[in-house]
Every structure is written in C-alpha cells, then in structure tokens.
Amino acid sequence: MAPRIPLPVKKFYESAPKSHQILMLKLREDILEIVPNALEVVSYGMPAFKVDGNIVAGILANKNHRSEEHTSE
C-alpha cells in the first residue's frame, strides 16, 4: 500500500474530476512502487514526485484528458 498522501497533494487529487481520481491514484501507487523513496510534492501545478531534488514524474488531469509526465537524465 502506498504511503499517506501529503495534504497539499491530497487536495489536488480531490479537486480533480471524480472520473479521473481513480486512475490518478492508481498511477500514484504505480509510481511509488517503482520509486518508493520519491517525495510527493505539487510542482508545475500538478502532483509530482521528487528524487534527490529532481522531479522524476508528475500526474495531471484536465476536464477532457489525463496525462502522466516523466523525466529522465
């Protein structure tokens, strides 16, 4: 099970359309399974995951679409 969601991030998930929340939370679990030491933050207006001070993934939901953003070096 994924760790507790930090309050600022939780508020972002709760503000997303209900139809998107289930997928967003599943993506969160998947990301934390792959990168368990990631710090959850809100960055660039979306829930994001930091490792060693760098954003490595983010989840964004809009009215008509959802997006998973990831980075690599």
C-alpha atoms as a PDB file:
ATOM      1  CA  MET A   1       0.000   0.000   0.000  1.00  0.00           C
ATOM      2  CA  ALA A   2       1.240   3.479  -0.864  1.00  0.00           C
ATOM      3  CA  PRO A   3       2.177   5.873   1.960  1.00  0.00           C
ATOM      4  CA  ARG A   4      -0.158   8.587   3.208  1.00  0.00           C
ATOM      5  CA  ILE A   5      -0.698  11.399   0.720  1.00  0.00           C
ATOM      6  CA  PRO A   6       0.714  14.783   1.859  1.00  0.00           C
ATOM      7  CA  LEU A   7      -2.112  17.305   2.401  1.00  0.00           C
ATOM      8  CA  PRO A   8      -1.275  19.727  -0.474  1.00  0.00           C
ATOM      9  CA  VAL A   9      -1.094  16.778  -2.871  1.00  0.00           C
ATOM     10  CA  LYS A  10      -4.263  15.214  -1.465  1.00  0.00           C
ATOM     11  CA  LYS A  11      -6.148  18.472  -2.063  1.00  0.00           C
ATOM     12  CA  PHE A  12      -5.040  18.408  -5.697  1.00  0.00           C
ATOM     13  CA  TYR A  13      -6.320  14.831  -6.188  1.00  0.00           C
ATOM     14  CA  GLU A  14      -9.606  15.731  -4.501  1.00  0.00           C
ATOM     15  CA  SER A  15     -10.057  18.720  -6.823  1.00  0.00           C
ATOM     16  CA  ALA A  16      -9.741  16.572  -9.957  1.00  0.00           C
ATOM     17  CA  PRO A  17     -12.888  15.339 -11.707  1.00  0.00           C
ATOM     18  CA  LYS A  18     -14.192  12.232  -9.931  1.00  0.00           C
ATOM     19  CA  SER A  19     -13.847  10.226 -13.129  1.00  0.00           C
ATOM     20  CA  HIS A  20     -10.084  10.929 -13.109  1.00  0.00           C
ATOM     21  CA  GLN A  21      -9.344  10.381  -9.424  1.00  0.00           C
ATOM     22  CA  ILE A  22      -9.286   6.570  -9.540  1.00  0.00           C
ATOM     23  CA  LEU A  23      -6.783   6.495 -12.405  1.00  0.00           C
ATOM     24  CA  MET A  24      -4.647   9.246 -10.867  1.00  0.00           C
ATOM     25  CA  LEU A  25      -4.432   7.396  -7.560  1.00  0.00           C
ATOM     26  CA  LYS A  26      -3.579   4.144  -9.377  1.00  0.00           C
ATOM     27  CA  LEU A  27      -0.787   5.950 -11.250  1.00  0.00           C
ATOM     28  CA  ARG A  28       0.421   7.315  -7.887  1.00  0.00           C
ATOM     29  CA  GLU A  29       0.623   3.788  -6.489  1.00  0.00           C
ATOM     30  CA  ASP A  30       2.465   2.563  -9.588  1.00  0.00           C
ATOM     31  CA  ILE A  31       4.982   5.419  -9.442  1.00  0.00           C
ATOM     32  CA  LEU A  32       5.649   4.859  -5.741  1.00  0.00           C
ATOM     33  CA  GLU A  33       6.094   1.146  -6.370  1.00  0.00           C
ATOM     34  CA  ILE A  34       8.790   1.916  -8.948  1.00  0.00           C
ATOM     35  CA  VAL A  35      10.359   4.803  -6.992  1.00  0.00           C
ATOM     36  CA  PRO A  36       9.477   4.102  -3.334  1.00  0.00           C
ATOM     37  CA  ASN A  37      11.767   6.814  -1.939  1.00  0.00           C
ATOM     38  CA  ALA A  38      10.147   9.598  -4.014  1.00  0.00           C
ATOM     39  CA  LEU A  39       8.948  12.690  -2.172  1.00  0.00           C
ATOM     40  CA  GLU A  40       5.425  13.743  -3.189  1.00  0.00           C
ATOM     41  CA  VAL A  41       5.020  17.452  -3.919  1.00  0.00           C
ATOM     42  CA  VAL A  42       2.906  19.790  -6.022  1.00  0.00           C
ATOM     43  CA  SER A  43       5.086  21.199  -8.801  1.00  0.00           C
ATOM     44  CA  TYR A  44       4.121  22.988 -12.013  1.00  0.00           C
ATOM     45  CA  GLY A  45       0.501  22.793 -10.862  1.00  0.00           C
ATOM     46  CA  MET A  46       0.352  19.014 -10.575  1.00  0.00           C
ATOM     47  CA  PRO A  47       1.203  16.202  -8.156  1.00  0.00           C
ATOM     48  CA  ALA A  48       4.850  15.357  -8.753  1.00  0.00           C
ATOM     49  CA  PHE A  49       7.471  13.002  -7.395  1.00  0.00           C
ATOM     50  CA  LYS A  50      10.985  14.127  -6.464  1.00  0.00           C
ATOM     51  CA  VAL A  51      14.098  12.036  -6.021  1.00  0.00           C
ATOM     52  CA  ASP A  52      17.350  13.694  -4.948  1.00  0.00           C
ATOM     53  CA  GLY A  53      15.767  17.116  -5.523  1.00  0.00           C
ATOM     54  CA  ASN A  54      14.723  16.344  -9.108  1.00  0.00           C
ATOM     55  CA  ILE A  55      11.176  15.850 -10.402  1.00  0.00           C
ATOM     56  CA  VAL A  56      11.019  12.355 -11.888  1.00  0.00           C
ATOM     57  CA  ALA A  57       7.262  12.068 -12.598  1.00  0.00           C
ATOM     58  CA  GLY A  58       4.034  14.009 -12.450  1.00  0.00           C
ATOM     59  CA  ILE A  59       0.308  13.364 -12.871  1.00  0.00           C
ATOM     60  CA  LEU A  60      -2.040  15.874 -14.459  1.00  0.00           C
ATOM     61  CA  ALA A  61      -5.805  15.709 -15.045  1.00  0.00           C
ATOM     62  CA  ASN A  62      -7.932  18.113 -17.020  1.00  0.00           C
ATOM     63  CA  LYS A  63     -11.600  18.035 -17.888  1.00  0.00           C
ATOM     64  CA  ASN A  64     -11.137  16.020 -21.071  1.00  0.00           C
ATOM     65  CA  HIS A  65      -7.861  14.179 -20.567  1.00  0.00           C
ATOM     66  CA  ARG A  66      -5.294  12.812 -18.142  1.00  0.00           C
ATOM     67  CA  SER A  67      -1.537  12.832 -18.511  1.00  0.00           C
ATOM     68  CA  GLU A  68       1.420  11.184 -16.856  1.00  0.00           C
ATOM     69  CA  GLU A  69       4.665  13.074 -17.221  1.00  0.00           C
ATOM     70  CA  HIS A  70       8.045  11.512 -16.554  1.00  0.00           C
ATOM     71  CA  THR A  71      11.604  12.637 -16.898  1.00  0.00           C
ATOM     72  CA  SER A  72      14.978  11.030 -17.257  1.00  0.00           C
ATOM     73  CA  GLU A  73      18.527  12.231 -17.499  1.00  0.00           C
END
